[in-house]
Amino acid sequence: MKKSVLKVQMFGTYSIEYEGNPVSFERNTTTKTNQLMQIYCRRERRALQEQNFCQTSLAMKRCRIRQTAPGNCISPAQTFGAAGLPEDEYVTIKGGSYYWTSGIPYELDAHQFEELLKKAEKENDPEKKKSYIEEACELYRGEFLPQLGAEGWAVVLNVYYKNLFSNAMRTLCQVLKDEKDYKKLYHCAEKAAVIYPLEDWQIWQMDSLIAMDRQDEAMVLYETTTGTFIIRNLDLHRLIRMKERFPAVEV
């Protein structure tokens, strides 16, 4: 019999689902209880050192976790059970480190994203490589745990995943442009522009619209985008690159 899977999303928003039902430890997803769950899920079965655990666990008075002697388990049955998860030995202490050892399988979008990009990097077949990159970019629904913008560990990972996504999406856009698949190119660039509106994704959109003989739409996008950049006084070089698409337009 197939085991139920804990599905965890950290891109764009934070959510957990088990057996089709949402799992919520506390209403506020930035609490220490939720952060501890986020850290464990992200690290899989790698050790979390006791010092880091204590720092993360600071002020977790609401999380009723019973800590036993080293080598045994922390049994947060009350906390996880109340959230809709079965009783299990979720965390084990070994040699001063903490390990997530739950028998419940789980899927984390961030892990899947990384694995797909690793497969793409190793793949020699161009079509399979493109397919892996497309699938990875689909999983990226927004920044990594954006609600934790004040937490150092989350900020570091946010930058890490953003760079992975940006590089992968630029690779995909170039492949689609070479293939003259301008419709898909437009939608891929549009998705990236929604997440990161102050980068150059609109240029990819303009190029695809112009290639599809939709100059009027490209001009509207140009005017909207340059207006945003001018208001925020950002990146003159990017404004010039956009202007190159419309040489007849006065600066």
Protein backbone atom coordinates (compact mmCIF):
# COMPACT_ATOMS: atom_id res chain seq x y z
CA MET A 1 0.00 0.00 0.00
CA LYS A 2 1.35 3.38 -1.02
CA LYS A 3 2.26 5.64 1.90
CA SER A 4 0.65 9.04 2.25
CA VAL A 5 3.01 11.85 1.26
CA LEU A 6 3.55 15.12 3.09
CA LYS A 7 3.67 17.83 0.41
CA VAL A 8 5.55 20.99 1.35
CA GLN A 9 5.66 24.21 -0.67
CA MET A 10 8.20 26.94 0.08
CA PHE A 11 8.32 28.84 -3.23
CA GLY A 12 6.03 31.85 -3.26
CA THR A 13 4.28 30.85 -0.08
CA TYR A 14 4.58 28.26 2.68
CA SER A 15 2.06 25.46 2.85
CA ILE A 16 1.90 21.82 3.94
CA GLU A 17 -0.58 19.24 2.76
CA TYR A 18 -1.11 15.71 4.04
CA GLU A 19 -3.60 13.27 2.53
CA GLY A 20 -5.16 16.14 0.64
CA ASN A 21 -5.71 18.25 3.77
CA PRO A 22 -3.82 21.43 4.75
CA VAL A 23 -1.53 21.14 7.77
CA SER A 24 -1.10 24.16 10.01
CA PHE A 25 0.89 24.29 13.24
CA GLU A 26 0.05 27.90 13.97
CA ARG A 27 -1.71 30.62 12.01
CA ASN A 28 1.44 32.68 11.66
CA THR A 29 3.88 30.87 9.31
CA THR A 30 6.85 32.86 10.68
CA THR A 31 6.71 31.38 14.20
CA LYS A 32 9.64 29.39 15.55
CA THR A 33 7.59 26.20 15.39
CA ASN A 34 7.03 26.65 11.68
CA GLN A 35 10.62 27.74 11.10
CA LEU A 36 11.90 24.59 12.75
CA MET A 37 9.69 22.49 10.46
CA GLN A 38 10.91 24.49 7.45
CA ILE A 39 14.56 23.97 8.37
CA TYR A 40 14.13 20.23 8.89
CA CYS A 41 12.27 19.76 5.61
CA ARG A 42 14.88 21.76 3.71
CA ARG A 43 17.80 19.84 5.24
CA GLU A 44 16.23 16.39 4.77
CA ARG A 45 18.20 13.87 6.87
CA ARG A 46 21.33 15.95 7.31
CA ALA A 47 22.33 16.84 10.83
CA LEU A 48 21.23 20.04 12.51
CA GLN A 49 23.86 20.92 15.08
CA GLU A 50 22.71 21.42 18.65
CA GLN A 51 23.84 25.07 18.72
CA ASN A 52 21.82 25.90 15.59
CA PHE A 53 18.87 23.93 16.93
CA CYS A 54 18.90 25.90 20.16
CA GLN A 55 19.09 29.21 18.30
CA THR A 56 16.16 28.23 16.12
CA SER A 57 14.22 26.82 19.05
CA LEU A 58 14.60 29.98 21.14
CA ALA A 59 11.22 31.28 22.32
CA MET A 60 9.37 28.12 21.20
CA LYS A 61 7.24 28.08 24.33
CA ARG A 62 4.11 27.18 22.40
CA CYS A 63 5.70 24.16 20.79
CA ARG A 64 5.18 21.34 23.31
CA ILE A 65 8.09 19.11 22.42
CA ARG A 66 9.26 16.54 24.95
CA GLN A 67 13.05 16.20 24.78
CA THR A 68 14.47 12.89 25.99
CA ALA A 69 18.05 11.77 26.52
CA PRO A 70 20.51 11.79 23.58
CA GLY A 71 19.96 8.82 21.28
CA ASN A 72 16.22 8.85 21.88
CA CYS A 73 13.54 10.90 20.17
CA ILE A 74 11.80 14.18 20.55
CA SER A 75 8.11 13.28 20.31
CA PRO A 76 6.11 16.34 19.27
CA ALA A 77 2.95 14.24 19.10
CA GLN A 78 0.79 16.92 20.62
CA THR A 79 1.97 19.64 18.25
CA PHE A 80 2.00 17.57 15.06
CA GLY A 81 -1.07 15.57 15.99
CA ALA A 82 -3.09 18.72 16.56
CA ALA A 83 -1.98 19.89 13.11
CA GLY A 84 -3.36 16.76 11.47
CA LEU A 85 -0.26 14.55 11.29
CA PRO A 86 0.00 11.04 12.74
CA GLU A 87 2.15 10.26 15.77
CA ASP A 88 5.70 9.47 14.76
CA GLU A 89 9.31 9.76 15.88
CA TYR A 90 9.95 12.93 13.92
CA VAL A 91 13.30 14.01 15.32
CA THR A 92 16.19 11.95 16.69
CA ILE A 93 19.20 13.19 18.69
CA LYS A 94 22.55 11.57 17.91
CA GLY A 95 25.91 12.84 19.11
CA GLY A 96 24.68 16.33 19.83
CA SER A 97 23.01 16.71 16.43
CA TYR A 98 19.34 16.59 15.51
CA TYR A 99 17.99 14.57 12.58
CA TRP A 100 14.60 14.50 10.92
CA THR A 101 13.83 10.77 10.98
CA SER A 102 10.11 10.59 10.38
CA GLY A 103 8.93 7.60 8.40
CA ILE A 104 6.41 9.78 6.59
CA PRO A 105 7.68 10.48 3.06
CA TYR A 106 7.51 14.08 1.96
CA GLU A 107 7.96 16.13 -1.17
CA LEU A 108 9.46 19.61 -0.99
CA ASP A 109 9.21 21.83 -4.06
CA ALA A 110 12.70 23.27 -3.39
CA HIS A 111 14.26 19.78 -3.42
CA GLN A 112 12.39 18.82 -6.59
CA PHE A 113 13.52 22.06 -8.21
CA GLU A 114 17.18 21.37 -7.43
CA GLU A 115 16.97 17.73 -8.55
CA LEU A 116 15.46 18.67 -11.92
CA LEU A 117 18.21 21.20 -12.56
CA LYS A 118 20.85 18.61 -11.62
CA LYS A 119 19.29 16.20 -14.13
CA ALA A 120 19.29 18.93 -16.77
CA GLU A 121 22.97 19.65 -16.13
CA LYS A 122 23.89 15.98 -16.63
CA GLU A 123 21.58 15.39 -19.60
CA ASN A 124 23.10 15.33 -23.09
CA ASP A 125 19.86 15.08 -25.03
CA PRO A 126 18.71 18.67 -25.81
CA GLU A 127 15.00 17.88 -25.64
CA LYS A 128 15.25 16.09 -22.31
CA LYS A 129 17.46 18.87 -20.95
CA LYS A 130 14.89 21.48 -21.98
CA SER A 131 12.09 19.40 -20.46
CA TYR A 132 13.87 19.21 -17.09
CA ILE A 133 14.49 22.96 -17.07
CA GLU A 134 10.88 23.70 -17.99
CA GLU A 135 9.62 21.46 -15.20
CA ALA A 136 11.97 23.10 -12.69
CA CYS A 137 10.88 26.61 -13.69
CA GLU A 138 7.24 25.58 -13.35
CA LEU A 139 7.90 24.60 -9.73
CA TYR A 140 9.32 28.04 -8.93
CA ARG A 141 6.15 29.91 -7.97
CA GLY A 142 7.90 32.80 -6.27
CA GLU A 143 10.73 33.60 -3.89
CA PHE A 144 11.78 31.08 -1.24
CA LEU A 145 9.81 31.67 2.00
CA PRO A 146 9.35 35.41 1.27
CA GLN A 147 7.59 35.91 4.61
CA LEU A 148 10.90 35.20 6.39
CA GLY A 149 12.74 38.20 4.94
CA ALA A 150 14.20 39.05 8.35
CA GLU A 151 15.67 35.58 8.98
CA GLY A 152 19.28 35.21 7.86
CA TRP A 153 19.10 31.52 6.95
CA ALA A 154 16.05 32.11 4.74
CA VAL A 155 17.60 35.16 3.05
CA VAL A 156 20.69 33.16 2.05
CA LEU A 157 18.57 30.40 0.55
CA ASN A 158 16.31 32.93 -1.14
CA VAL A 159 19.29 34.39 -3.01
CA TYR A 160 20.57 30.90 -3.82
CA TYR A 161 17.28 29.77 -5.35
CA LYS A 162 16.74 33.07 -7.16
CA ASN A 163 20.10 32.66 -8.92
CA LEU A 164 19.28 29.08 -9.87
CA PHE A 165 15.90 30.13 -11.24
CA SER A 166 17.23 33.15 -13.14
CA ASN A 167 20.01 31.15 -14.80
CA ALA A 168 17.65 28.30 -15.67
CA MET A 169 14.99 30.61 -17.06
CA ARG A 170 17.50 32.55 -19.18
CA THR A 171 18.76 29.26 -20.60
CA LEU A 172 15.20 28.18 -21.36
CA CYS A 173 14.32 31.54 -22.96
CA GLN A 174 17.35 31.35 -25.24
CA VAL A 175 16.47 27.79 -26.29
CA LEU A 176 12.89 28.83 -27.06
CA LYS A 177 14.12 31.85 -29.01
CA ASP A 178 16.47 29.66 -31.05
CA GLU A 179 13.57 27.29 -31.73
CA LYS A 180 11.37 30.27 -32.69
CA ASP A 181 8.79 29.15 -30.15
CA TYR A 182 7.86 32.75 -29.41
CA LYS A 183 4.51 32.01 -27.78
CA LYS A 184 6.09 29.83 -25.10
CA LEU A 185 8.99 32.26 -24.79
CA TYR A 186 6.55 35.07 -24.06
CA HIS A 187 4.75 33.13 -21.32
CA CYS A 188 8.00 31.99 -19.67
CA ALA A 189 9.36 35.54 -19.63
CA GLU A 190 6.01 36.83 -18.40
CA LYS A 191 6.11 34.47 -15.42
CA ALA A 192 9.63 35.59 -14.52
CA ALA A 193 8.66 39.26 -14.92
CA VAL A 194 5.77 38.85 -12.48
CA ILE A 195 8.14 37.46 -9.84
CA TYR A 196 11.03 39.83 -10.59
CA PRO A 197 9.55 42.89 -12.35
CA LEU A 198 12.69 45.01 -12.03
CA GLU A 199 14.90 42.68 -14.06
CA ASP A 200 15.15 42.34 -17.85
CA TRP A 201 12.43 39.75 -18.45
CA GLN A 202 10.29 42.33 -20.24
CA ILE A 203 12.93 42.52 -22.97
CA TRP A 204 12.39 38.83 -23.70
CA GLN A 205 8.64 39.51 -23.78
CA MET A 206 9.09 42.42 -26.20
CA ASP A 207 11.31 40.37 -28.48
CA SER A 208 8.78 37.54 -28.61
CA LEU A 209 5.87 39.93 -29.30
CA ILE A 210 7.78 41.66 -32.08
CA ALA A 211 8.70 38.28 -33.60
CA MET A 212 4.98 37.36 -33.57
CA ASP A 213 4.17 40.65 -35.36
CA ARG A 214 2.43 42.06 -32.29
CA GLN A 215 4.25 45.38 -32.22
CA ASP A 216 1.38 47.30 -30.64
CA GLU A 217 1.43 45.01 -27.60
CA ALA A 218 5.21 45.26 -27.44
CA MET A 219 4.92 49.07 -27.45
CA VAL A 220 2.39 49.02 -24.59
CA LEU A 221 4.69 46.76 -22.59
CA TYR A 222 7.62 49.07 -23.36
CA GLU A 223 5.76 52.16 -22.17
CA THR A 224 4.50 50.46 -19.02
CA THR A 225 7.90 49.01 -18.15
CA THR A 226 9.96 52.13 -18.84
CA GLY A 227 7.49 54.17 -16.81
CA THR A 228 8.08 51.86 -13.85
CA PHE A 229 11.86 52.04 -14.24
CA ILE A 230 11.86 55.84 -14.56
CA ILE A 231 9.65 56.25 -11.51
CA ARG A 232 12.03 54.08 -9.47
CA ASN A 233 15.13 55.58 -11.11
CA LEU A 234 16.66 52.17 -11.85
CA ASP A 235 19.12 50.73 -14.38
CA LEU A 236 19.65 53.17 -17.26
CA HIS A 237 21.45 50.44 -19.22
CA ARG A 238 18.31 48.31 -19.26
CA LEU A 239 16.22 51.28 -20.39
CA ILE A 240 18.62 51.79 -23.31
CA ARG A 241 18.35 48.12 -24.28
CA MET A 242 14.56 48.41 -24.32
CA LYS A 243 14.76 51.61 -26.37
CA GLU A 244 16.80 49.74 -29.02
CA ARG A 245 13.67 47.73 -29.84
CA PHE A 246 11.86 50.96 -30.75
CA PRO A 247 14.38 53.31 -32.43
CA ALA A 248 11.65 55.71 -33.55
CA VAL A 249 10.52 56.42 -29.99
CA GLU A 250 11.84 59.56 -28.34
CA VAL A 251 13.62 59.03 -25.02
